[in-house]
Amino acid sequence: MSGPRVLLPWAPGEVGGLPEGWAAAVWDGTGDPPGEGVLRTVELFVVPYTFTAAALPLLARMPRLRVLQSLSAGVDDLAPSVPAGVTLCNARGVHDASTAELAVALVLASLRGIPGFVVDQQAHRWSDGFWPALAGRSVLIVGHGSIGAAVEARLAAFECDIVRVARTARESPGGPVHAFGELPRLLGTADVVVLTVPLAPGTRGLVDAGFLARMKDGALLVNVARGPVVDTDALVRELRSGRLRAALDVTEPEPLPADHPLWSAPNVLITPHVGGQTSAFEPRARALVRTQLERFTAGLPPVNVVLGR
């Protein structure tokens, strides 16, 4: 067979190289994609980060494709387009540190009133006051995969009580993980609810009006998962009532239109889906791609499989 067998967003040397006899093409998501002569030989395709939309049309032009590697933790935007017989892998582990850092930053900034202090600084206004601490609070982590566990690890130093919830009950190193079915009972006990679930049929709209109504008065909702996990209209109603607060790295819709009521809702802090976009991303992403290349060229199954085998 002639032509590259892998399509990467970086030069092969930047991910440890390829064995003798293997070739790679490079496309970082910008500019024109490779031509038909290259695409028809590709067996492993690493989708450039944040360029899924540009990559999707290429999949049907890769008849030899066997493994599709995303550099995102969530693959909800990619999974529906994966051709039959192709194994889809996510970037589990790549975004854990960055996303967990932002989750904790959003919790602390919201509890300690940092957005208000920024406004006061711009107005040259000295406004002290009394703010809730994270210490002594109850934090409910909804979704206890690798990102949820990373959030818990970073919260451990803040003297807060952590409760874990996932799709199924199990034990974790930090303590029991409760099933989703226990959420109605647990929501009323939490001061902070952090969402780290993947977007799937069972989590789309999980945080609806009923979920929000069960949260205790004054509680903080933090979403570093996916925007559609939350019913935006229901959340806006709660924020406008003054009963709940929110800190959101993801929204529905996204990007958030300039005239969307969420922008002007009280007690909300919004960041523009930047949880994974830090200096920690690229070294971890390259390490994952190196692992996948080593396994692929050795004839071993890939890691982080979410679809296929």
Protein backbone atom coordinates (compact mmCIF):
# COMPACT_ATOMS: atom_id res chain seq x y z
CA MET A 1 0.00 0.00 0.00
CA SER A 2 1.32 3.45 -0.85
CA GLY A 3 0.52 6.63 0.96
CA PRO A 4 0.26 7.65 4.61
CA ARG A 5 -1.46 5.27 6.99
CA VAL A 6 -2.03 7.85 9.74
CA LEU A 7 -3.29 11.44 9.67
CA LEU A 8 -2.03 13.58 12.55
CA PRO A 9 -2.39 17.19 13.72
CA TRP A 10 1.37 17.31 14.45
CA ALA A 11 4.50 16.13 12.70
CA PRO A 12 5.34 12.49 13.56
CA GLY A 13 8.52 13.55 15.32
CA GLU A 14 6.47 15.57 17.80
CA VAL A 15 4.71 12.41 18.99
CA GLY A 16 7.67 10.05 19.06
CA GLY A 17 7.90 9.15 15.38
CA LEU A 18 6.63 6.14 13.46
CA PRO A 19 8.14 2.70 12.86
CA GLU A 20 9.97 1.92 9.64
CA GLY A 21 7.60 1.51 6.74
CA TRP A 22 4.90 3.72 8.22
CA ALA A 23 4.08 7.18 6.92
CA ALA A 24 1.98 10.04 8.22
CA ALA A 25 0.24 13.02 6.71
CA VAL A 26 -0.27 16.17 8.79
CA TRP A 27 -3.38 18.35 8.99
CA ASP A 28 -3.99 20.67 11.95
CA GLY A 29 -7.55 21.57 10.97
CA THR A 30 -6.64 24.84 9.29
CA GLY A 31 -6.20 25.30 5.58
CA ASP A 32 -7.18 22.73 2.99
CA PRO A 33 -7.40 19.10 4.13
CA PRO A 34 -5.35 16.42 2.39
CA GLY A 35 -6.43 15.31 -1.07
CA GLU A 36 -8.18 12.09 -2.06
CA GLY A 37 -4.90 10.31 -2.69
CA VAL A 38 -3.95 10.71 0.96
CA LEU A 39 -7.37 10.24 2.52
CA ARG A 40 -8.00 6.89 0.86
CA THR A 41 -4.91 5.38 2.55
CA VAL A 42 -5.55 6.64 6.10
CA GLU A 43 -6.18 3.95 8.73
CA LEU A 44 -5.82 6.07 11.90
CA PHE A 45 -7.06 9.65 12.03
CA VAL A 46 -6.39 11.97 14.98
CA VAL A 47 -8.99 14.74 14.77
CA PRO A 48 -7.43 18.17 15.40
CA TYR A 49 -8.66 19.68 18.66
CA THR A 50 -11.64 22.06 18.23
CA PHE A 51 -11.84 21.26 14.50
CA THR A 52 -14.36 18.43 14.60
CA ALA A 53 -16.78 20.23 12.26
CA ALA A 54 -14.05 20.59 9.62
CA ALA A 55 -13.02 16.95 10.04
CA LEU A 56 -16.45 15.33 9.77
CA PRO A 57 -16.75 15.57 5.95
CA LEU A 58 -13.44 13.72 5.58
CA LEU A 59 -14.61 10.52 7.25
CA ALA A 60 -16.65 9.29 4.29
CA ARG A 61 -13.57 9.74 2.10
CA MET A 62 -11.42 7.37 4.20
CA PRO A 63 -12.38 3.84 3.08
CA ARG A 64 -9.53 2.22 5.05
CA LEU A 65 -10.16 4.08 8.31
CA ARG A 66 -9.98 1.79 11.35
CA VAL A 67 -9.38 4.07 14.36
CA LEU A 68 -10.68 7.60 14.92
CA GLN A 69 -9.03 9.43 17.81
CA SER A 70 -10.68 12.52 19.29
CA LEU A 71 -8.69 14.98 21.36
CA SER A 72 -11.80 15.93 23.35
CA ALA A 73 -13.10 14.22 26.46
CA GLY A 74 -16.65 14.31 25.10
CA VAL A 75 -17.37 12.85 21.66
CA ASP A 76 -21.08 13.66 21.37
CA ASP A 77 -20.40 15.82 18.30
CA LEU A 78 -18.35 13.08 16.59
CA ALA A 79 -19.97 9.76 17.52
CA PRO A 80 -23.06 10.04 15.25
CA SER A 81 -20.81 10.36 12.16
CA VAL A 82 -18.40 7.48 12.82
CA PRO A 83 -18.50 5.04 9.87
CA ALA A 84 -19.46 1.43 10.53
CA GLY A 85 -16.53 -0.72 11.60
CA VAL A 86 -14.45 2.22 12.85
CA THR A 87 -13.30 2.37 16.48
CA LEU A 88 -13.79 5.76 18.16
CA CYS A 89 -11.53 6.76 21.06
CA ASN A 90 -11.83 9.80 23.32
CA ALA A 91 -9.17 11.83 25.14
CA ARG A 92 -9.83 10.50 28.62
CA GLY A 93 -7.14 11.86 30.92
CA VAL A 94 -6.01 14.67 28.63
CA HIS A 95 -8.36 17.34 29.98
CA ASP A 96 -8.69 16.18 33.59
CA ALA A 97 -6.23 18.61 35.15
CA SER A 98 -7.30 21.67 33.16
CA THR A 99 -11.04 21.13 33.55
CA ALA A 100 -10.74 20.31 37.25
CA GLU A 101 -8.72 23.48 37.81
CA LEU A 102 -11.40 25.59 36.18
CA ALA A 103 -14.19 23.84 38.10
CA VAL A 104 -12.51 24.68 41.39
CA ALA A 105 -11.75 28.22 40.21
CA LEU A 106 -15.42 28.74 39.33
CA VAL A 107 -16.52 27.42 42.72
CA LEU A 108 -14.14 29.70 44.62
CA ALA A 109 -14.78 32.76 42.46
CA SER A 110 -18.53 32.40 42.85
CA LEU A 111 -18.55 31.71 46.57
CA ARG A 112 -16.09 34.49 47.40
CA GLY A 113 -17.71 37.10 45.15
CA ILE A 114 -14.75 37.65 42.82
CA PRO A 115 -16.85 38.91 39.86
CA GLY A 116 -18.28 41.66 42.04
CA PHE A 117 -14.83 42.65 43.22
CA VAL A 118 -13.69 42.99 39.60
CA VAL A 119 -16.60 45.37 38.93
CA ASP A 120 -15.77 47.32 42.10
CA GLN A 121 -12.12 47.58 41.09
CA GLN A 122 -13.08 49.00 37.70
CA ALA A 123 -15.28 51.55 39.49
CA HIS A 124 -12.52 52.37 42.04
CA ARG A 125 -14.93 51.30 44.76
CA TRP A 126 -13.92 49.66 48.07
CA SER A 127 -16.78 47.31 49.10
CA ASP A 128 -16.03 44.80 51.81
CA GLY A 129 -18.49 42.25 53.11
CA PHE A 130 -19.02 38.73 54.32
CA TRP A 131 -18.86 35.81 51.89
CA PRO A 132 -19.33 32.03 52.16
CA ALA A 133 -16.23 29.88 52.35
CA LEU A 134 -15.76 26.55 50.62
CA ALA A 135 -14.57 25.09 53.92
CA GLY A 136 -17.40 23.34 55.69
CA ARG A 137 -19.59 23.20 52.58
CA SER A 138 -21.07 20.10 50.96
CA VAL A 139 -20.06 19.56 47.32
CA LEU A 140 -21.99 17.12 45.15
CA ILE A 141 -20.03 15.94 42.09
CA VAL A 142 -22.44 14.64 39.44
CA GLY A 143 -20.40 12.41 37.14
CA HIS A 144 -17.46 10.57 38.69
CA GLY A 145 -15.33 9.63 35.73
CA SER A 146 -11.75 10.79 35.36
CA ILE A 147 -12.67 14.51 35.36
CA GLY A 148 -15.00 14.16 38.34
CA ALA A 149 -12.27 12.31 40.23
CA ALA A 150 -9.79 15.06 39.32
CA VAL A 151 -12.19 17.69 40.68
CA GLU A 152 -12.51 15.73 43.91
CA ALA A 153 -8.73 15.45 44.25
CA ARG A 154 -8.35 19.21 44.01
CA LEU A 155 -11.20 19.90 46.41
CA ALA A 156 -9.70 17.61 49.04
CA ALA A 157 -7.54 20.40 50.48
CA PHE A 158 -10.47 22.78 51.00
CA GLU A 159 -12.02 21.07 54.01
CA CYS A 160 -15.35 20.48 52.31
CA ASP A 161 -17.56 17.41 52.36
CA ILE A 162 -17.65 15.63 49.01
CA VAL A 163 -20.50 13.44 47.77
CA ARG A 164 -20.13 11.53 44.51
CA VAL A 165 -22.81 10.49 42.00
CA ALA A 166 -22.47 8.50 38.78
CA ARG A 167 -24.63 6.40 36.51
CA THR A 168 -24.12 3.33 38.67
CA ALA A 169 -23.22 2.97 42.34
CA ARG A 170 -19.74 1.74 43.23
CA GLU A 171 -16.85 2.30 45.59
CA SER A 172 -14.07 4.78 44.86
CA PRO A 173 -10.79 5.48 46.69
CA GLY A 174 -12.41 8.52 48.30
CA GLY A 175 -15.62 6.81 49.34
CA PRO A 176 -18.91 5.55 47.94
CA VAL A 177 -20.25 6.70 44.59
CA HIS A 178 -24.04 6.94 44.59
CA ALA A 179 -26.25 6.13 41.61
CA PHE A 180 -28.17 8.78 39.67
CA GLY A 181 -31.33 7.42 41.23
CA GLU A 182 -30.26 8.93 44.55
CA LEU A 183 -30.00 12.47 43.17
CA PRO A 184 -33.45 13.58 44.39
CA ARG A 185 -32.40 12.78 47.94
CA LEU A 186 -28.89 14.20 47.70
CA LEU A 187 -29.57 17.49 45.90
CA GLY A 188 -31.21 19.12 48.90
CA THR A 189 -28.10 18.53 51.02
CA ALA A 190 -25.51 20.12 48.69
CA ASP A 191 -24.22 23.69 48.85
CA VAL A 192 -22.39 23.23 45.54
CA VAL A 193 -23.33 20.92 42.65
CA VAL A 194 -20.57 20.32 40.07
CA LEU A 195 -21.54 18.71 36.74
CA THR A 196 -18.86 16.59 35.05
CA VAL A 197 -21.05 14.09 33.18
CA PRO A 198 -20.63 13.29 29.47
CA LEU A 199 -23.43 14.31 27.15
CA ALA A 200 -25.48 11.20 26.41
CA PRO A 201 -29.17 10.33 26.08
CA GLY A 202 -29.35 9.76 29.84
CA THR A 203 -27.76 13.11 30.73
CA ARG A 204 -29.22 15.45 28.11
CA GLY A 205 -31.57 17.70 30.08
CA LEU A 206 -30.63 15.99 33.33
CA VAL A 207 -30.63 19.34 35.13
CA ASP A 208 -34.23 20.27 34.45
CA ALA A 209 -36.74 22.31 36.44
CA GLY A 210 -37.29 19.42 38.87
CA PHE A 211 -33.57 18.95 39.46
CA LEU A 212 -33.09 22.67 40.12
CA ALA A 213 -36.12 22.83 42.40
CA ARG A 214 -34.60 20.11 44.60
CA MET A 215 -31.39 22.11 45.12
CA LYS A 216 -31.26 23.96 48.41
CA ASP A 217 -31.81 27.71 48.56
CA GLY A 218 -28.62 29.62 47.80
CA ALA A 219 -26.85 26.59 46.26
CA LEU A 220 -24.33 26.99 43.46
CA LEU A 221 -24.53 25.01 40.20
CA VAL A 222 -21.22 24.61 38.35
CA ASN A 223 -21.27 23.16 34.82
CA VAL A 224 -17.99 22.06 33.22
CA ALA A 225 -19.67 19.19 31.36
CA ARG A 226 -21.77 20.09 28.30
CA GLY A 227 -24.35 22.83 27.86
CA PRO A 228 -27.30 20.57 26.94
CA VAL A 229 -26.99 18.76 30.28
CA VAL A 230 -28.82 21.79 31.73
CA ASP A 231 -32.24 23.15 30.75
CA THR A 232 -31.16 26.75 30.14
CA ASP A 233 -34.64 28.26 30.39
CA ALA A 234 -35.26 26.56 33.73
CA LEU A 235 -31.89 27.76 35.02
CA VAL A 236 -32.58 31.36 33.95
CA ARG A 237 -35.85 31.28 35.85
CA GLU A 238 -34.13 30.11 39.03
CA LEU A 239 -31.36 32.70 38.67
CA ARG A 240 -33.86 35.50 38.17
CA SER A 241 -35.73 34.41 41.29
CA GLY A 242 -32.51 34.82 43.26
CA ARG A 243 -32.80 31.34 44.74
CA LEU A 244 -29.78 29.74 43.02
CA ARG A 245 -26.38 30.77 41.69
CA ALA A 246 -24.48 29.33 38.75
CA ALA A 247 -20.99 29.21 37.25
CA LEU A 248 -20.93 27.91 33.68
CA ASP A 249 -18.08 27.03 31.35
CA VAL A 250 -20.56 25.54 28.89
CA THR A 251 -23.98 26.73 27.78
CA GLU A 252 -26.89 25.79 25.56
CA PRO A 253 -26.78 27.29 22.96
CA GLU A 254 -23.08 27.74 22.36
CA PRO A 255 -21.61 30.19 21.61
CA LEU A 256 -24.09 32.12 23.70
CA PRO A 257 -25.76 34.82 21.55
CA ALA A 258 -25.14 38.39 22.65
CA ASP A 259 -28.82 38.95 23.40
CA HIS A 260 -29.35 35.73 25.36
CA PRO A 261 -31.00 36.30 28.77
CA LEU A 262 -28.39 34.16 30.51
CA TRP A 263 -25.82 36.96 30.07
CA SER A 264 -27.85 39.37 32.16
CA ALA A 265 -29.24 36.91 34.71
CA PRO A 266 -28.18 37.67 38.27
CA ASN A 267 -25.73 35.51 40.22
CA VAL A 268 -24.14 33.81 37.22
CA LEU A 269 -20.48 33.61 36.16
CA ILE A 270 -19.85 32.52 32.54
CA THR A 271 -16.61 31.42 30.89
CA PRO A 272 -16.54 30.58 27.13
CA HIS A 273 -15.96 26.79 27.16
CA VAL A 274 -12.26 27.02 28.00
CA GLY A 275 -12.04 24.21 30.56
CA GLY A 276 -9.58 22.15 28.53
CA GLN A 277 -7.75 24.93 26.72
CA THR A 278 -4.63 25.41 28.81
CA SER A 279 -0.90 24.76 28.60
CA ALA A 280 -1.55 21.36 30.18
CA PHE A 281 -3.45 20.14 27.12
CA GLU A 282 -0.83 19.66 24.43
CA PRO A 283 1.74 17.54 26.34
CA ARG A 284 -1.01 15.20 27.51
CA ALA A 285 -2.62 15.06 24.08
CA ARG A 286 0.68 14.19 22.41
CA ALA A 287 1.38 11.51 25.01
CA LEU A 288 -2.01 9.92 24.30
CA VAL A 289 -1.44 10.00 20.55
CA ARG A 290 2.01 8.46 21.03
CA THR A 291 0.44 5.63 23.05
CA GLN A 292 -2.21 5.04 20.39
CA LEU A 293 0.37 5.03 17.60
CA GLU A 294 2.55 2.53 19.45
CA ARG A 295 -0.41 0.23 20.02
CA PHE A 296 -1.80 0.63 16.52
CA THR A 297 1.47 -0.09 14.76
CA ALA A 298 2.06 -3.09 17.04
CA GLY A 299 -1.36 -4.52 16.21
CA LEU A 300 -2.75 -3.92 19.71
CA PRO A 301 -6.23 -2.53 20.46
CA PRO A 302 -6.33 1.20 21.27
CA VAL A 303 -7.09 2.68 24.69
CA ASN A 304 -10.01 4.97 25.55
CA VAL A 305 -12.44 3.16 23.26
CA VAL A 306 -15.96 4.61 23.45
CA LEU A 307 -17.43 3.11 20.26
CA GLY A 308 -16.50 -0.02 18.37
CA ARG A 309 -13.93 -2.50 19.60
